[in-house]
Amino acid sequence: MPLYGFHCDKCDNDVELLVSSSAKPACPNCGNETMTRLMSHIVIHGKTKAKLKAARAAAQRAGHLSNFSPSER
């Protein structure tokens, strides 16, 4: 399943969620079920490793370990 960005108009929260393309997820912050799908960011060729490192650092700060391999946890 791909990672999509969503914006909640009710609580003004932006989140990225791993959902199917046809899913209509609820906001994890307030539970609002009418979220707007955001345009995806383009990955710049040659900078993927730096982007991955930054994303993993942000996930670790937030307490999420789902995008780490078992050896990195």
N, C-alpha and C. Protein backbone atom coordinates (compact mmCIF):
# COMPACT_ATOMS: atom_id res chain seq x y z
N MET A 1 0.84 -1.19 0.00
CA MET A 1 0.00 0.00 0.00
C MET A 1 0.88 1.24 0.00
N PRO A 2 0.47 2.26 -0.72
CA PRO A 2 1.27 3.48 -0.78
C PRO A 2 1.01 4.42 0.41
N LEU A 3 1.93 5.33 0.58
CA LEU A 3 1.84 6.34 1.62
C LEU A 3 1.24 7.60 1.02
N TYR A 4 0.14 8.08 1.58
CA TYR A 4 -0.54 9.27 1.09
C TYR A 4 -0.56 10.34 2.17
N GLY A 5 -0.49 11.58 1.74
CA GLY A 5 -0.62 12.71 2.65
C GLY A 5 -2.06 13.19 2.68
N PHE A 6 -2.54 13.53 3.88
CA PHE A 6 -3.90 14.01 4.05
C PHE A 6 -3.89 15.26 4.92
N HIS A 7 -4.91 16.12 4.70
CA HIS A 7 -5.09 17.32 5.51
C HIS A 7 -6.48 17.28 6.12
N CYS A 8 -6.57 17.52 7.42
CA CYS A 8 -7.85 17.57 8.11
C CYS A 8 -8.26 19.03 8.24
N ASP A 9 -9.41 19.37 7.66
CA ASP A 9 -9.89 20.75 7.73
C ASP A 9 -10.42 21.10 9.12
N LYS A 10 -10.84 20.10 9.86
CA LYS A 10 -11.43 20.34 11.19
C LYS A 10 -10.37 20.76 12.21
N CYS A 11 -9.24 20.03 12.26
CA CYS A 11 -8.21 20.35 13.26
C CYS A 11 -6.93 20.90 12.62
N ASP A 12 -6.93 21.11 11.30
CA ASP A 12 -5.80 21.67 10.56
C ASP A 12 -4.53 20.84 10.73
N ASN A 13 -4.70 19.52 10.73
CA ASN A 13 -3.61 18.58 10.92
C ASN A 13 -3.22 17.95 9.59
N ASP A 14 -1.92 17.88 9.29
CA ASP A 14 -1.41 17.18 8.11
C ASP A 14 -0.77 15.88 8.56
N VAL A 15 -1.16 14.77 7.92
CA VAL A 15 -0.62 13.46 8.27
C VAL A 15 -0.32 12.67 7.01
N GLU A 16 0.59 11.71 7.12
CA GLU A 16 0.85 10.76 6.06
C GLU A 16 0.40 9.40 6.57
N LEU A 17 -0.43 8.72 5.77
CA LEU A 17 -0.99 7.44 6.19
C LEU A 17 -0.74 6.39 5.12
N LEU A 18 -0.50 5.18 5.55
CA LEU A 18 -0.31 4.05 4.66
C LEU A 18 -1.67 3.41 4.43
N VAL A 19 -2.29 3.76 3.31
CA VAL A 19 -3.65 3.29 3.01
C VAL A 19 -3.75 2.91 1.53
N SER A 20 -4.81 2.18 1.19
CA SER A 20 -5.04 1.88 -0.22
C SER A 20 -5.52 3.14 -0.93
N SER A 21 -5.42 3.16 -2.24
CA SER A 21 -5.75 4.38 -2.99
C SER A 21 -7.22 4.76 -2.90
N SER A 22 -8.09 3.81 -2.65
CA SER A 22 -9.52 4.11 -2.56
C SER A 22 -10.01 4.36 -1.14
N ALA A 23 -9.13 4.23 -0.14
CA ALA A 23 -9.53 4.38 1.26
C ALA A 23 -9.85 5.84 1.60
N LYS A 24 -10.75 6.02 2.53
CA LYS A 24 -11.10 7.33 3.05
C LYS A 24 -10.84 7.29 4.56
N PRO A 25 -9.59 7.54 4.98
CA PRO A 25 -9.23 7.39 6.39
C PRO A 25 -9.78 8.52 7.26
N ALA A 26 -9.88 8.24 8.54
CA ALA A 26 -10.27 9.24 9.52
C ALA A 26 -9.01 9.90 10.08
N CYS A 27 -9.14 11.13 10.51
CA CYS A 27 -8.01 11.87 11.10
C CYS A 27 -7.60 11.20 12.41
N PRO A 28 -6.31 10.86 12.57
CA PRO A 28 -5.87 10.24 13.81
C PRO A 28 -5.89 11.20 14.99
N ASN A 29 -5.97 12.49 14.71
CA ASN A 29 -5.95 13.50 15.77
C ASN A 29 -7.35 13.75 16.34
N CYS A 30 -8.34 13.96 15.45
CA CYS A 30 -9.69 14.33 15.92
C CYS A 30 -10.78 13.37 15.50
N GLY A 31 -10.47 12.43 14.60
CA GLY A 31 -11.47 11.46 14.16
C GLY A 31 -12.32 11.91 12.98
N ASN A 32 -12.07 13.09 12.44
CA ASN A 32 -12.83 13.60 11.30
C ASN A 32 -12.68 12.64 10.12
N GLU A 33 -13.81 12.29 9.48
CA GLU A 33 -13.76 11.32 8.39
C GLU A 33 -13.72 11.96 7.01
N THR A 34 -13.65 13.28 6.92
CA THR A 34 -13.58 13.97 5.63
C THR A 34 -12.24 14.68 5.51
N MET A 35 -11.22 13.92 5.18
CA MET A 35 -9.90 14.48 5.01
C MET A 35 -9.61 14.70 3.53
N THR A 36 -8.80 15.70 3.23
CA THR A 36 -8.42 16.03 1.86
C THR A 36 -7.08 15.39 1.54
N ARG A 37 -7.00 14.66 0.43
CA ARG A 37 -5.73 14.05 0.03
C ARG A 37 -4.83 15.14 -0.55
N LEU A 38 -3.58 15.15 -0.12
CA LEU A 38 -2.62 16.15 -0.58
C LEU A 38 -1.82 15.62 -1.76
N MET A 39 -1.26 16.53 -2.53
CA MET A 39 -0.38 16.15 -3.63
C MET A 39 0.89 15.55 -3.04
N SER A 40 1.38 14.50 -3.66
CA SER A 40 2.60 13.85 -3.20
C SER A 40 3.82 14.68 -3.59
N HIS A 41 4.86 14.58 -2.78
CA HIS A 41 6.12 15.23 -3.08
C HIS A 41 6.90 14.39 -4.07
N ILE A 42 7.62 15.02 -4.92
CA ILE A 42 8.45 14.33 -5.90
C ILE A 42 9.79 14.00 -5.26
N VAL A 43 10.24 12.77 -5.43
CA VAL A 43 11.54 12.37 -4.91
C VAL A 43 12.60 12.82 -5.89
N ILE A 44 13.56 13.58 -5.40
CA ILE A 44 14.64 14.09 -6.23
C ILE A 44 15.69 13.01 -6.39
N HIS A 45 16.00 12.67 -7.64
CA HIS A 45 16.98 11.63 -7.92
C HIS A 45 18.32 12.01 -7.31
N GLY A 46 18.95 11.05 -6.67
CA GLY A 46 20.26 11.27 -6.08
C GLY A 46 20.22 11.70 -4.63
N LYS A 47 19.05 12.02 -4.13
CA LYS A 47 18.94 12.46 -2.75
C LYS A 47 18.06 11.51 -1.93
N THR A 48 17.78 10.35 -2.45
CA THR A 48 16.88 9.41 -1.80
C THR A 48 17.42 8.96 -0.44
N LYS A 49 18.71 8.67 -0.34
CA LYS A 49 19.28 8.22 0.93
C LYS A 49 19.16 9.29 2.01
N ALA A 50 19.39 10.54 1.66
CA ALA A 50 19.27 11.62 2.63
C ALA A 50 17.82 11.80 3.07
N LYS A 51 16.89 11.70 2.12
CA LYS A 51 15.46 11.82 2.45
C LYS A 51 15.03 10.67 3.36
N LEU A 52 15.49 9.46 3.07
CA LEU A 52 15.15 8.30 3.88
C LEU A 52 15.71 8.45 5.29
N LYS A 53 16.93 8.93 5.40
CA LYS A 53 17.55 9.13 6.71
C LYS A 53 16.76 10.17 7.51
N ALA A 54 16.34 11.27 6.86
CA ALA A 54 15.56 12.30 7.54
C ALA A 54 14.18 11.77 7.95
N ALA A 55 13.54 10.98 7.09
CA ALA A 55 12.23 10.41 7.41
C ALA A 55 12.32 9.44 8.57
N ARG A 56 13.37 8.64 8.59
CA ARG A 56 13.55 7.70 9.69
C ARG A 56 13.82 8.43 11.00
N ALA A 57 14.59 9.50 10.94
CA ALA A 57 14.86 10.28 12.15
C ALA A 57 13.57 10.91 12.68
N ALA A 58 12.74 11.44 11.78
CA ALA A 58 11.46 12.03 12.18
C ALA A 58 10.54 10.97 12.77
N ALA A 59 10.50 9.79 12.17
CA ALA A 59 9.67 8.70 12.68
C ALA A 59 10.15 8.25 14.06
N GLN A 60 11.45 8.20 14.25
CA GLN A 60 11.99 7.79 15.54
C GLN A 60 11.65 8.81 16.62
N ARG A 61 11.73 10.10 16.28
CA ARG A 61 11.37 11.14 17.25
C ARG A 61 9.90 11.05 17.63
N ALA A 62 9.06 10.65 16.66
CA ALA A 62 7.62 10.52 16.92
C ALA A 62 7.27 9.19 17.57
N GLY A 63 8.23 8.30 17.69
CA GLY A 63 7.99 7.01 18.33
C GLY A 63 7.50 5.92 17.39
N HIS A 64 7.59 6.14 16.09
CA HIS A 64 7.17 5.15 15.11
C HIS A 64 8.37 4.35 14.64
N LEU A 65 8.27 3.05 14.66
CA LEU A 65 9.37 2.21 14.22
C LEU A 65 8.97 1.36 13.02
N SER A 66 7.80 1.59 12.44
CA SER A 66 7.30 0.73 11.38
C SER A 66 8.10 0.82 10.10
N ASN A 67 8.83 1.92 9.87
CA ASN A 67 9.59 2.02 8.63
C ASN A 67 11.06 1.63 8.83
N PHE A 68 11.38 1.04 9.97
CA PHE A 68 12.73 0.55 10.22
C PHE A 68 12.76 -0.96 10.02
N SER A 69 13.85 -1.47 9.55
CA SER A 69 14.01 -2.92 9.45
C SER A 69 14.24 -3.48 10.86
N PRO A 70 14.00 -4.76 11.10
CA PRO A 70 14.19 -5.34 12.42
C PRO A 70 15.60 -5.11 12.99
N SER A 71 16.61 -5.10 12.14
CA SER A 71 17.97 -4.89 12.63
C SER A 71 18.22 -3.44 13.06
N GLU A 72 17.39 -2.50 12.59
CA GLU A 72 17.56 -1.10 12.95
C GLU A 72 16.75 -0.69 14.17
N ARG A 73 15.84 -1.53 14.64
CA ARG A 73 14.97 -1.18 15.77
C ARG A 73 15.68 -1.22 17.08
